[in-house]
Amino acid sequence: MSTPTINYQQATFLTSAPDIRALPLDEGIEVAFAGRSNAGKSSALNTLTRQKSLARTSKTPGRTQLINVFQLNEHQRLIDLPGYGFAKVPLAVKEKWQRSLSEYLQKRTSLKGLVVLMDIRHPLKDLDQDLIHWAVASELPVRLLLTKADKLSPGPRKKALLEVTEAALAFMGDVQVQVFSSLSKQGLPELEQALTHWFYPAHTQN
């Protein structure tokens, strides 16, 4: 059985929601992207969809305060979750966003995979690990995307990948690790393959 292909370039903005109650109906399949505010999440989504401004990039980390929904087709969506780890917002705002993240991961039944983006030079901070633990506890597969891979030369890049891959074993879940660069497109085919597996599980099972 041949695996369907997904034209990510067809992604369109659907809505922004402050919490899961304002999201579209909980049906079909969603894949969510989450990460610290400076991890390059918007750039990765724009690279994936071949669109320069689908997900807005900002020089001020923490601007993504809502759950942004991008529709691929009637049954498949990409979710841009609020960034976390920012320093210049009130504690009450941080706590609200953290509750929204946790609620979405634990209660959204159409969510079938989580991409956690981390700067390859600063991976697995406390909030990153909290997010991975949440996902594993919800029995979600996780893909750790080590972004900004172009910032490191091949040796340190390989070392960082090996270290994070080894550390990921401790989460005791379906946690895969890869490097990624929005600038050079390194890792884009591997990311697309992983997403296709989540969107079409029946076609990609061995």
N, C-alpha and C. Protein backbone atom coordinates (compact mmCIF):
# COMPACT_ATOMS: atom_id res chain seq x y z
N MET A 1 0.85 -1.19 0.00
CA MET A 1 0.00 0.00 0.00
C MET A 1 0.89 1.25 0.00
N SER A 2 0.73 2.10 -1.00
CA SER A 2 1.57 3.29 -1.09
C SER A 2 1.12 4.33 -0.07
N THR A 3 2.10 5.04 0.48
CA THR A 3 1.80 6.06 1.48
C THR A 3 1.37 7.34 0.80
N PRO A 4 0.24 7.93 1.20
CA PRO A 4 -0.18 9.21 0.62
C PRO A 4 0.86 10.29 0.89
N THR A 5 0.91 11.27 0.03
CA THR A 5 1.80 12.42 0.25
C THR A 5 0.97 13.61 0.71
N ILE A 6 1.61 14.49 1.44
CA ILE A 6 0.93 15.68 1.95
C ILE A 6 1.59 16.91 1.34
N ASN A 7 0.78 17.77 0.77
CA ASN A 7 1.29 19.02 0.22
C ASN A 7 1.21 20.09 1.31
N TYR A 8 2.29 20.24 2.06
CA TYR A 8 2.28 21.18 3.18
C TYR A 8 2.15 22.63 2.72
N GLN A 9 2.48 22.87 1.45
CA GLN A 9 2.38 24.23 0.92
C GLN A 9 0.92 24.71 0.88
N GLN A 10 -0.01 23.77 0.94
CA GLN A 10 -1.43 24.13 0.92
C GLN A 10 -1.96 24.54 2.29
N ALA A 11 -1.10 24.54 3.30
CA ALA A 11 -1.54 24.91 4.65
C ALA A 11 -2.08 26.33 4.66
N THR A 12 -3.22 26.52 5.31
CA THR A 12 -3.82 27.84 5.44
C THR A 12 -4.16 28.10 6.90
N PHE A 13 -4.09 29.37 7.29
CA PHE A 13 -4.45 29.75 8.66
C PHE A 13 -5.95 29.57 8.86
N LEU A 14 -6.33 28.90 9.95
CA LEU A 14 -7.74 28.65 10.22
C LEU A 14 -8.25 29.53 11.36
N THR A 15 -7.57 29.49 12.51
CA THR A 15 -8.04 30.29 13.64
C THR A 15 -6.96 30.38 14.71
N SER A 16 -7.12 31.34 15.63
CA SER A 16 -6.31 31.43 16.85
C SER A 16 -7.25 31.28 18.03
N ALA A 17 -6.85 30.45 18.99
CA ALA A 17 -7.74 30.15 20.12
C ALA A 17 -7.01 30.37 21.44
N PRO A 18 -7.67 30.98 22.43
CA PRO A 18 -7.04 31.18 23.74
C PRO A 18 -6.96 29.89 24.56
N ASP A 19 -7.84 28.90 24.24
CA ASP A 19 -7.83 27.63 24.95
C ASP A 19 -8.52 26.59 24.09
N ILE A 20 -8.61 25.34 24.58
CA ILE A 20 -9.11 24.26 23.73
C ILE A 20 -10.61 24.41 23.44
N ARG A 21 -11.33 25.16 24.27
CA ARG A 21 -12.76 25.32 24.02
C ARG A 21 -13.04 26.16 22.78
N ALA A 22 -12.07 26.93 22.34
CA ALA A 22 -12.26 27.77 21.16
C ALA A 22 -11.66 27.14 19.89
N LEU A 23 -11.17 25.91 20.01
CA LEU A 23 -10.58 25.22 18.85
C LEU A 23 -11.67 24.62 17.97
N PRO A 24 -11.31 24.23 16.73
CA PRO A 24 -12.28 23.52 15.89
C PRO A 24 -12.72 22.21 16.55
N LEU A 25 -13.75 21.59 15.98
CA LEU A 25 -14.23 20.32 16.51
C LEU A 25 -13.08 19.34 16.69
N ASP A 26 -13.14 18.57 17.76
CA ASP A 26 -12.06 17.63 18.10
C ASP A 26 -12.21 16.35 17.28
N GLU A 27 -11.91 16.46 15.99
CA GLU A 27 -12.00 15.32 15.08
C GLU A 27 -10.90 15.44 14.03
N GLY A 28 -10.68 14.37 13.28
CA GLY A 28 -9.58 14.37 12.34
C GLY A 28 -8.27 14.12 13.06
N ILE A 29 -7.17 14.63 12.49
CA ILE A 29 -5.83 14.42 13.07
C ILE A 29 -5.10 15.76 13.16
N GLU A 30 -4.52 16.00 14.32
CA GLU A 30 -3.70 17.19 14.54
C GLU A 30 -2.28 16.78 14.94
N VAL A 31 -1.32 17.54 14.46
CA VAL A 31 0.07 17.43 14.90
C VAL A 31 0.47 18.79 15.43
N ALA A 32 0.99 18.82 16.66
CA ALA A 32 1.29 20.10 17.31
C ALA A 32 2.78 20.37 17.38
N PHE A 33 3.13 21.65 17.30
CA PHE A 33 4.50 22.12 17.43
C PHE A 33 4.59 22.98 18.69
N ALA A 34 5.58 22.69 19.52
CA ALA A 34 5.75 23.46 20.76
C ALA A 34 7.23 23.66 21.03
N GLY A 35 7.54 24.70 21.77
CA GLY A 35 8.94 24.94 22.10
C GLY A 35 9.13 26.26 22.81
N ARG A 36 10.32 26.45 23.33
CA ARG A 36 10.65 27.72 23.96
C ARG A 36 10.51 28.85 22.94
N SER A 37 10.31 30.04 23.44
CA SER A 37 10.00 31.16 22.56
C SER A 37 11.11 31.49 21.56
N ASN A 38 12.33 31.08 21.85
CA ASN A 38 13.44 31.38 20.95
C ASN A 38 13.94 30.14 20.22
N ALA A 39 13.11 29.11 20.13
CA ALA A 39 13.57 27.84 19.55
C ALA A 39 13.43 27.77 18.03
N GLY A 40 12.81 28.80 17.43
CA GLY A 40 12.67 28.79 15.98
C GLY A 40 11.44 28.04 15.49
N LYS A 41 10.38 28.04 16.30
CA LYS A 41 9.17 27.28 15.95
C LYS A 41 8.48 27.86 14.72
N SER A 42 8.29 29.18 14.69
CA SER A 42 7.63 29.80 13.54
C SER A 42 8.43 29.58 12.26
N SER A 43 9.74 29.71 12.35
CA SER A 43 10.60 29.50 11.18
C SER A 43 10.49 28.07 10.67
N ALA A 44 10.42 27.10 11.59
CA ALA A 44 10.31 25.69 11.19
C ALA A 44 8.98 25.44 10.48
N LEU A 45 7.89 26.01 11.00
CA LEU A 45 6.58 25.84 10.37
C LEU A 45 6.56 26.49 8.98
N ASN A 46 7.18 27.64 8.87
CA ASN A 46 7.24 28.30 7.57
C ASN A 46 8.08 27.50 6.57
N THR A 47 9.16 26.89 7.06
CA THR A 47 10.00 26.05 6.20
C THR A 47 9.23 24.82 5.75
N LEU A 48 8.53 24.19 6.67
CA LEU A 48 7.75 23.00 6.36
C LEU A 48 6.69 23.29 5.29
N THR A 49 6.03 24.44 5.40
CA THR A 49 4.92 24.76 4.51
C THR A 49 5.36 25.55 3.28
N ARG A 50 6.68 25.84 3.18
CA ARG A 50 7.20 26.62 2.04
C ARG A 50 6.51 27.97 1.92
N GLN A 51 6.16 28.52 3.09
CA GLN A 51 5.52 29.84 3.10
C GLN A 51 6.33 30.74 4.03
N LYS A 52 6.58 31.96 3.60
CA LYS A 52 7.47 32.83 4.35
C LYS A 52 6.84 33.40 5.61
N SER A 53 5.52 33.49 5.64
CA SER A 53 4.90 34.16 6.78
C SER A 53 3.61 33.49 7.24
N LEU A 54 3.49 32.18 7.03
CA LEU A 54 2.30 31.48 7.53
C LEU A 54 2.27 31.60 9.05
N ALA A 55 3.35 31.19 9.69
CA ALA A 55 3.50 31.39 11.14
C ALA A 55 4.38 32.62 11.32
N ARG A 56 3.88 33.58 12.02
CA ARG A 56 4.60 34.85 12.12
C ARG A 56 5.83 34.71 13.00
N THR A 57 6.96 35.15 12.47
CA THR A 57 8.18 35.19 13.27
C THR A 57 8.29 36.56 13.91
N SER A 58 8.96 36.62 15.03
CA SER A 58 9.06 37.88 15.75
C SER A 58 10.43 38.00 16.38
N LYS A 59 10.92 39.23 16.44
CA LYS A 59 12.19 39.47 17.13
C LYS A 59 11.98 39.51 18.64
N THR A 60 10.72 39.49 19.08
CA THR A 60 10.40 39.50 20.50
C THR A 60 9.85 38.14 20.89
N PRO A 61 10.66 37.28 21.52
CA PRO A 61 10.17 35.95 21.92
C PRO A 61 8.95 36.05 22.81
N GLY A 62 8.04 35.07 22.66
CA GLY A 62 6.86 35.04 23.50
C GLY A 62 5.65 35.73 22.91
N ARG A 63 5.72 36.12 21.63
CA ARG A 63 4.60 36.82 21.02
C ARG A 63 3.44 35.88 20.70
N THR A 64 3.73 34.59 20.49
CA THR A 64 2.67 33.63 20.19
C THR A 64 1.97 33.26 21.49
N GLN A 65 0.86 33.95 21.78
CA GLN A 65 0.17 33.74 23.04
C GLN A 65 -1.09 32.91 22.88
N LEU A 66 -1.41 32.52 21.65
CA LEU A 66 -2.62 31.77 21.38
C LEU A 66 -2.26 30.44 20.72
N ILE A 67 -3.23 29.52 20.71
CA ILE A 67 -3.07 28.27 19.96
C ILE A 67 -3.47 28.57 18.52
N ASN A 68 -2.51 28.54 17.60
CA ASN A 68 -2.78 28.85 16.20
C ASN A 68 -2.99 27.57 15.41
N VAL A 69 -4.05 27.55 14.61
CA VAL A 69 -4.44 26.36 13.87
C VAL A 69 -4.27 26.60 12.37
N PHE A 70 -3.52 25.70 11.71
CA PHE A 70 -3.33 25.76 10.27
C PHE A 70 -3.92 24.49 9.66
N GLN A 71 -4.76 24.66 8.69
CA GLN A 71 -5.46 23.53 8.09
C GLN A 71 -4.73 23.05 6.83
N LEU A 72 -4.47 21.73 6.77
CA LEU A 72 -3.90 21.13 5.57
C LEU A 72 -5.01 20.67 4.63
N ASN A 73 -6.03 20.08 5.20
CA ASN A 73 -7.23 19.70 4.47
C ASN A 73 -8.35 19.55 5.50
N GLU A 74 -9.47 19.00 5.09
CA GLU A 74 -10.63 18.95 5.96
C GLU A 74 -10.38 18.14 7.23
N HIS A 75 -9.43 17.20 7.17
CA HIS A 75 -9.24 16.28 8.30
C HIS A 75 -7.87 16.39 8.97
N GLN A 76 -6.98 17.25 8.48
CA GLN A 76 -5.61 17.31 9.00
C GLN A 76 -5.22 18.76 9.30
N ARG A 77 -4.63 18.93 10.49
CA ARG A 77 -4.26 20.28 10.91
C ARG A 77 -2.88 20.30 11.57
N LEU A 78 -2.18 21.40 11.40
CA LEU A 78 -0.95 21.68 12.14
C LEU A 78 -1.31 22.69 13.24
N ILE A 79 -0.80 22.44 14.45
CA ILE A 79 -1.12 23.30 15.59
C ILE A 79 0.17 23.96 16.09
N ASP A 80 0.14 25.28 16.19
CA ASP A 80 1.26 26.05 16.72
C ASP A 80 0.91 26.45 18.15
N LEU A 81 1.51 25.75 19.11
CA LEU A 81 1.19 26.01 20.52
C LEU A 81 1.97 27.21 21.05
N PRO A 82 1.47 27.86 22.10
CA PRO A 82 2.15 29.04 22.64
C PRO A 82 3.59 28.73 23.04
N GLY A 83 4.47 29.66 22.73
CA GLY A 83 5.86 29.52 23.17
C GLY A 83 5.96 29.62 24.69
N TYR A 84 7.02 29.06 25.24
CA TYR A 84 7.18 29.11 26.70
C TYR A 84 8.64 29.42 27.02
N GLY A 85 8.89 29.74 28.27
CA GLY A 85 10.26 30.02 28.68
C GLY A 85 10.67 31.47 28.54
N PHE A 86 9.73 32.33 28.20
CA PHE A 86 10.01 33.75 28.01
C PHE A 86 10.10 34.43 29.37
N ALA A 87 10.87 35.50 29.44
CA ALA A 87 11.14 36.13 30.74
C ALA A 87 10.32 37.39 30.98
N LYS A 88 9.81 38.02 29.92
CA LYS A 88 9.28 39.38 30.06
C LYS A 88 7.76 39.44 30.07
N VAL A 89 7.11 38.37 30.55
CA VAL A 89 5.66 38.43 30.71
C VAL A 89 5.33 38.13 32.17
N PRO A 90 4.21 38.64 32.66
CA PRO A 90 3.84 38.43 34.07
C PRO A 90 3.67 36.94 34.38
N LEU A 91 3.92 36.59 35.63
CA LEU A 91 3.81 35.21 36.07
C LEU A 91 2.41 34.64 35.81
N ALA A 92 1.39 35.45 36.03
CA ALA A 92 0.01 34.99 35.83
C ALA A 92 -0.21 34.59 34.36
N VAL A 93 0.40 35.34 33.45
CA VAL A 93 0.27 35.03 32.02
C VAL A 93 0.99 33.72 31.70
N LYS A 94 2.18 33.57 32.25
CA LYS A 94 2.94 32.32 32.05
C LYS A 94 2.12 31.13 32.54
N GLU A 95 1.52 31.27 33.72
CA GLU A 95 0.77 30.15 34.30
C GLU A 95 -0.46 29.82 33.45
N LYS A 96 -1.11 30.85 32.89
CA LYS A 96 -2.28 30.61 32.05
C LYS A 96 -1.87 29.84 30.80
N TRP A 97 -0.77 30.25 30.16
CA TRP A 97 -0.31 29.56 28.95
C TRP A 97 0.08 28.13 29.28
N GLN A 98 0.70 27.94 30.45
CA GLN A 98 1.12 26.59 30.84
C GLN A 98 -0.10 25.69 31.04
N ARG A 99 -1.16 26.25 31.63
CA ARG A 99 -2.39 25.49 31.79
C ARG A 99 -2.99 25.13 30.43
N SER A 100 -2.96 26.08 29.49
CA SER A 100 -3.51 25.83 28.15
C SER A 100 -2.74 24.71 27.46
N LEU A 101 -1.42 24.73 27.58
CA LEU A 101 -0.58 23.68 26.98
C LEU A 101 -0.93 22.32 27.57
N SER A 102 -0.96 22.26 28.89
CA SER A 102 -1.21 21.00 29.57
C SER A 102 -2.60 20.47 29.24
N GLU A 103 -3.59 21.36 29.22
CA GLU A 103 -4.96 20.96 28.92
C GLU A 103 -5.06 20.43 27.48
N TYR A 104 -4.42 21.10 26.57
CA TYR A 104 -4.47 20.67 25.17
C TYR A 104 -3.84 19.28 25.02
N LEU A 105 -2.68 19.08 25.61
CA LEU A 105 -1.98 17.80 25.47
C LEU A 105 -2.77 16.65 26.09
N GLN A 106 -3.45 16.92 27.18
CA GLN A 106 -4.11 15.85 27.92
C GLN A 106 -5.53 15.56 27.45
N LYS A 107 -6.19 16.53 26.83
CA LYS A 107 -7.61 16.37 26.54
C LYS A 107 -7.96 16.35 25.06
N ARG A 108 -7.07 16.75 24.18
CA ARG A 108 -7.40 16.86 22.77
C ARG A 108 -7.21 15.50 22.09
N THR A 109 -8.31 14.82 21.79
CA THR A 109 -8.21 13.45 21.29
C THR A 109 -7.72 13.38 19.84
N SER A 110 -7.87 14.46 19.07
CA SER A 110 -7.40 14.44 17.68
C SER A 110 -5.89 14.65 17.58
N LEU A 111 -5.24 15.00 18.68
CA LEU A 111 -3.79 15.19 18.69
C LEU A 111 -3.09 13.84 18.61
N LYS A 112 -2.29 13.64 17.57
CA LYS A 112 -1.66 12.34 17.34
C LYS A 112 -0.13 12.39 17.37
N GLY A 113 0.45 13.56 17.58
CA GLY A 113 1.90 13.65 17.66
C GLY A 113 2.33 15.05 18.06
N LEU A 114 3.45 15.14 18.77
CA LEU A 114 3.96 16.42 19.25
C LEU A 114 5.40 16.61 18.80
N VAL A 115 5.67 17.73 18.14
CA VAL A 115 7.03 18.12 17.78
C VAL A 115 7.50 19.15 18.80
N VAL A 116 8.57 18.83 19.54
CA VAL A 116 9.13 19.76 20.52
C VAL A 116 10.42 20.33 19.93
N LEU A 117 10.44 21.63 19.73
CA LEU A 117 11.58 22.29 19.11
C LEU A 117 12.50 22.85 20.18
N MET A 118 13.79 22.59 20.02
CA MET A 118 14.80 23.07 20.98
C MET A 118 16.02 23.54 20.21
N ASP A 119 16.56 24.68 20.57
CA ASP A 119 17.82 25.15 20.00
C ASP A 119 18.88 24.09 20.29
N ILE A 120 19.54 23.62 19.24
CA ILE A 120 20.51 22.53 19.40
C ILE A 120 21.63 22.89 20.37
N ARG A 121 21.85 24.19 20.57
CA ARG A 121 22.92 24.63 21.49
C ARG A 121 22.44 24.66 22.94
N HIS A 122 21.10 24.60 23.15
CA HIS A 122 20.55 24.69 24.51
C HIS A 122 19.36 23.74 24.66
N PRO A 123 19.57 22.43 24.51
CA PRO A 123 18.44 21.49 24.53
C PRO A 123 18.04 21.07 25.94
N LEU A 124 16.82 20.52 26.03
CA LEU A 124 16.33 19.86 27.25
C LEU A 124 16.40 20.73 28.49
N LYS A 125 15.93 21.97 28.35
CA LYS A 125 15.74 22.80 29.54
C LYS A 125 14.58 22.23 30.36
N ASP A 126 14.40 22.73 31.57
CA ASP A 126 13.38 22.16 32.47
C ASP A 126 12.00 22.14 31.83
N LEU A 127 11.59 23.26 31.20
CA LEU A 127 10.25 23.32 30.62
C LEU A 127 10.13 22.38 29.42
N ASP A 128 11.21 22.19 28.68
CA ASP A 128 11.19 21.21 27.59
C ASP A 128 10.91 19.82 28.16
N GLN A 129 11.60 19.49 29.23
CA GLN A 129 11.42 18.16 29.83
C GLN A 129 10.02 17.99 30.40
N ASP A 130 9.48 19.06 31.00
CA ASP A 130 8.11 18.99 31.51
C ASP A 130 7.15 18.66 30.38
N LEU A 131 7.32 19.33 29.25
CA LEU A 131 6.44 19.14 28.10
C LEU A 131 6.54 17.71 27.58
N ILE A 132 7.74 17.18 27.50
CA ILE A 132 7.93 15.80 27.02
C ILE A 132 7.28 14.81 27.99
N HIS A 133 7.46 15.05 29.28
CA HIS A 133 6.82 14.18 30.28
C HIS A 133 5.30 14.20 30.14
N TRP A 134 4.73 15.39 29.94
CA TRP A 134 3.29 15.51 29.74
C TRP A 134 2.84 14.65 28.56
N ALA A 135 3.59 14.78 27.45
CA ALA A 135 3.22 14.06 26.23
C ALA A 135 3.32 12.55 26.42
N VAL A 136 4.40 12.11 27.03
CA VAL A 136 4.60 10.68 27.25
C VAL A 136 3.49 10.13 28.17
N ALA A 137 3.15 10.92 29.19
CA ALA A 137 2.08 10.50 30.10
C ALA A 137 0.74 10.39 29.38
N SER A 138 0.57 11.18 28.32
CA SER A 138 -0.65 11.13 27.51
C SER A 138 -0.53 10.12 26.37
N GLU A 139 0.57 9.35 26.37
CA GLU A 139 0.82 8.32 25.35
C GLU A 139 0.91 8.90 23.94
N LEU A 140 1.49 10.09 23.84
CA LEU A 140 1.68 10.72 22.55
C LEU A 140 3.10 10.46 22.05
N PRO A 141 3.27 10.17 20.76
CA PRO A 141 4.63 10.13 20.22
C PRO A 141 5.21 11.54 20.14
N VAL A 142 6.49 11.65 20.38
CA VAL A 142 7.16 12.95 20.41
C VAL A 142 8.36 12.93 19.46
N ARG A 143 8.53 14.03 18.74
CA ARG A 143 9.74 14.20 17.91
C ARG A 143 10.47 15.44 18.40
N LEU A 144 11.67 15.24 18.88
CA LEU A 144 12.49 16.36 19.34
C LEU A 144 13.26 16.92 18.15
N LEU A 145 13.00 18.18 17.84
CA LEU A 145 13.62 18.83 16.69
C LEU A 145 14.71 19.76 17.21
N LEU A 146 15.97 19.40 16.96
CA LEU A 146 17.09 20.23 17.40
C LEU A 146 17.34 21.28 16.33
N THR A 147 16.78 22.46 16.56
CA THR A 147 16.77 23.50 15.55
C THR A 147 18.09 24.28 15.51
N LYS A 148 18.21 25.12 14.47
CA LYS A 148 19.38 25.99 14.28
C LYS A 148 20.65 25.16 14.16
N ALA A 149 20.52 23.98 13.51
CA ALA A 149 21.66 23.07 13.37
C ALA A 149 22.78 23.70 12.57
N ASP A 150 22.46 24.69 11.74
CA ASP A 150 23.48 25.37 10.94
C ASP A 150 24.43 26.21 11.79
N LYS A 151 24.05 26.43 13.06
CA LYS A 151 24.90 27.22 13.96
C LYS A 151 26.09 26.41 14.47
N LEU A 152 26.06 25.09 14.27
CA LEU A 152 27.16 24.24 14.74
C LEU A 152 27.84 23.58 13.56
N SER A 153 29.13 23.31 13.70
CA SER A 153 29.86 22.54 12.70
C SER A 153 29.50 21.07 12.86
N PRO A 154 29.82 20.23 11.86
CA PRO A 154 29.35 18.83 11.89
C PRO A 154 29.71 18.06 13.16
N GLY A 155 30.92 18.25 13.68
CA GLY A 155 31.33 17.50 14.88
C GLY A 155 30.46 17.80 16.08
N PRO A 156 30.37 19.07 16.50
CA PRO A 156 29.51 19.41 17.64
C PRO A 156 28.03 19.10 17.39
N ARG A 157 27.61 19.20 16.15
CA ARG A 157 26.21 18.88 15.80
C ARG A 157 25.92 17.41 16.07
N LYS A 158 26.83 16.55 15.63
CA LYS A 158 26.67 15.11 15.84
C LYS A 158 26.72 14.78 17.33
N LYS A 159 27.61 15.44 18.05
CA LYS A 159 27.74 15.22 19.49
C LYS A 159 26.44 15.60 20.21
N ALA A 160 25.86 16.75 19.85
CA ALA A 160 24.61 17.19 20.48
C ALA A 160 23.48 16.21 20.18
N LEU A 161 23.41 15.72 18.94
CA LEU A 161 22.37 14.77 18.57
C LEU A 161 22.49 13.48 19.39
N LEU A 162 23.72 12.98 19.53
CA LEU A 162 23.93 11.75 20.29
C LEU A 162 23.56 11.94 21.76
N GLU A 163 23.94 13.08 22.32
CA GLU A 163 23.67 13.34 23.74
C GLU A 163 22.17 13.43 24.02
N VAL A 164 21.44 14.13 23.14
CA VAL A 164 20.00 14.27 23.34
C VAL A 164 19.30 12.94 23.09
N THR A 165 19.75 12.20 22.09
CA THR A 165 19.16 10.89 21.81
C THR A 165 19.31 9.96 23.01
N GLU A 166 20.49 9.99 23.63
CA GLU A 166 20.73 9.16 24.81
C GLU A 166 19.87 9.62 25.99
N ALA A 167 19.77 10.95 26.17
CA ALA A 167 18.97 11.49 27.27
C ALA A 167 17.49 11.19 27.09
N ALA A 168 17.04 11.10 25.84
CA ALA A 168 15.63 10.88 25.55
C ALA A 168 15.16 9.50 26.01
N LEU A 169 16.08 8.56 26.16
CA LEU A 169 15.71 7.22 26.61
C LEU A 169 15.08 7.25 28.00
N ALA A 170 15.47 8.24 28.80
CA ALA A 170 14.98 8.33 30.17
C ALA A 170 13.49 8.67 30.24
N PHE A 171 12.93 9.19 29.14
CA PHE A 171 11.51 9.56 29.17
C PHE A 171 10.60 8.34 29.06
N MET A 172 11.16 7.20 28.67
CA MET A 172 10.41 5.94 28.63
C MET A 172 9.16 6.02 27.75
N GLY A 173 9.28 6.70 26.62
CA GLY A 173 8.14 6.81 25.70
C GLY A 173 8.63 6.78 24.26
N ASP A 174 7.71 7.04 23.34
CA ASP A 174 8.05 7.09 21.92
C ASP A 174 8.60 8.48 21.62
N VAL A 175 9.90 8.66 21.88
CA VAL A 175 10.55 9.96 21.72
C VAL A 175 11.71 9.81 20.73
N GLN A 176 11.57 10.43 19.57
CA GLN A 176 12.60 10.39 18.53
C GLN A 176 13.30 11.74 18.45
N VAL A 177 14.55 11.74 17.98
CA VAL A 177 15.35 12.97 17.95
C VAL A 177 15.95 13.16 16.56
N GLN A 178 15.95 14.40 16.09
CA GLN A 178 16.62 14.70 14.83
C GLN A 178 17.12 16.15 14.84
N VAL A 179 18.06 16.45 13.95
CA VAL A 179 18.53 17.83 13.80
C VAL A 179 17.72 18.51 12.70
N PHE A 180 17.68 19.84 12.75
CA PHE A 180 16.89 20.59 11.79
C PHE A 180 17.45 22.00 11.63
N SER A 181 17.38 22.50 10.42
CA SER A 181 17.77 23.89 10.16
C SER A 181 16.79 24.51 9.17
N SER A 182 16.13 25.57 9.60
CA SER A 182 15.23 26.29 8.70
C SER A 182 16.03 26.98 7.60
N LEU A 183 17.26 27.36 7.92
CA LEU A 183 18.09 28.09 6.95
C LEU A 183 18.57 27.18 5.83
N SER A 184 19.12 26.01 6.18
CA SER A 184 19.68 25.11 5.16
C SER A 184 18.71 24.02 4.72
N LYS A 185 17.57 23.91 5.41
CA LYS A 185 16.56 22.86 5.16
C LYS A 185 17.05 21.47 5.59
N GLN A 186 18.16 21.42 6.32
CA GLN A 186 18.62 20.13 6.83
C GLN A 186 17.56 19.52 7.75
N GLY A 187 17.25 18.25 7.53
CA GLY A 187 16.29 17.54 8.37
C GLY A 187 14.85 17.68 7.92
N LEU A 188 14.60 18.48 6.88
CA LEU A 188 13.22 18.67 6.42
C LEU A 188 12.59 17.37 5.91
N PRO A 189 13.29 16.57 5.08
CA PRO A 189 12.67 15.31 4.62
C PRO A 189 12.34 14.37 5.77
N GLU A 190 13.22 14.29 6.77
CA GLU A 190 12.97 13.41 7.92
C GLU A 190 11.75 13.89 8.72
N LEU A 191 11.61 15.21 8.86
CA LEU A 191 10.45 15.75 9.57
C LEU A 191 9.17 15.43 8.81
N GLU A 192 9.18 15.63 7.49
CA GLU A 192 7.99 15.34 6.69
C GLU A 192 7.60 13.86 6.79
N GLN A 193 8.60 12.99 6.78
CA GLN A 193 8.33 11.55 6.88
C GLN A 193 7.68 11.21 8.23
N ALA A 194 8.17 11.82 9.29
CA ALA A 194 7.61 11.57 10.62
C ALA A 194 6.17 12.07 10.71
N LEU A 195 5.91 13.25 10.15
CA LEU A 195 4.55 13.79 10.18
C LEU A 195 3.60 12.93 9.36
N THR A 196 4.06 12.45 8.22
CA THR A 196 3.23 11.58 7.38
C THR A 196 2.85 10.32 8.15
N HIS A 197 3.77 9.79 8.92
CA HIS A 197 3.50 8.60 9.75
C HIS A 197 2.38 8.88 10.75
N TRP A 198 2.37 10.10 11.30
CA TRP A 198 1.32 10.45 12.26
C TRP A 198 0.00 10.73 11.57
N PHE A 199 0.05 11.36 10.41
CA PHE A 199 -1.19 11.69 9.70
C PHE A 199 -1.83 10.47 9.03
N TYR A 200 -0.98 9.52 8.62
CA TYR A 200 -1.48 8.32 7.94
C TYR A 200 -0.92 7.06 8.59
N PRO A 201 -1.25 6.80 9.85
CA PRO A 201 -0.65 5.66 10.55
C PRO A 201 -0.94 4.31 9.90
N ALA A 202 -2.10 4.15 9.31
CA ALA A 202 -2.47 2.86 8.72
C ALA A 202 -1.62 2.54 7.50
N HIS A 203 -1.10 3.61 6.84
CA HIS A 203 -0.31 3.41 5.61
C HIS A 203 1.17 3.20 5.90
N THR A 204 1.61 3.58 7.12
CA THR A 204 3.05 3.56 7.41
C THR A 204 3.45 2.51 8.41
N GLN A 205 2.49 1.71 8.87
CA GLN A 205 2.84 0.65 9.80
C GLN A 205 3.53 -0.49 9.06
N ASN A 206 4.53 -1.08 9.72
CA ASN A 206 5.25 -2.20 9.11
C ASN A 206 4.42 -3.48 9.21
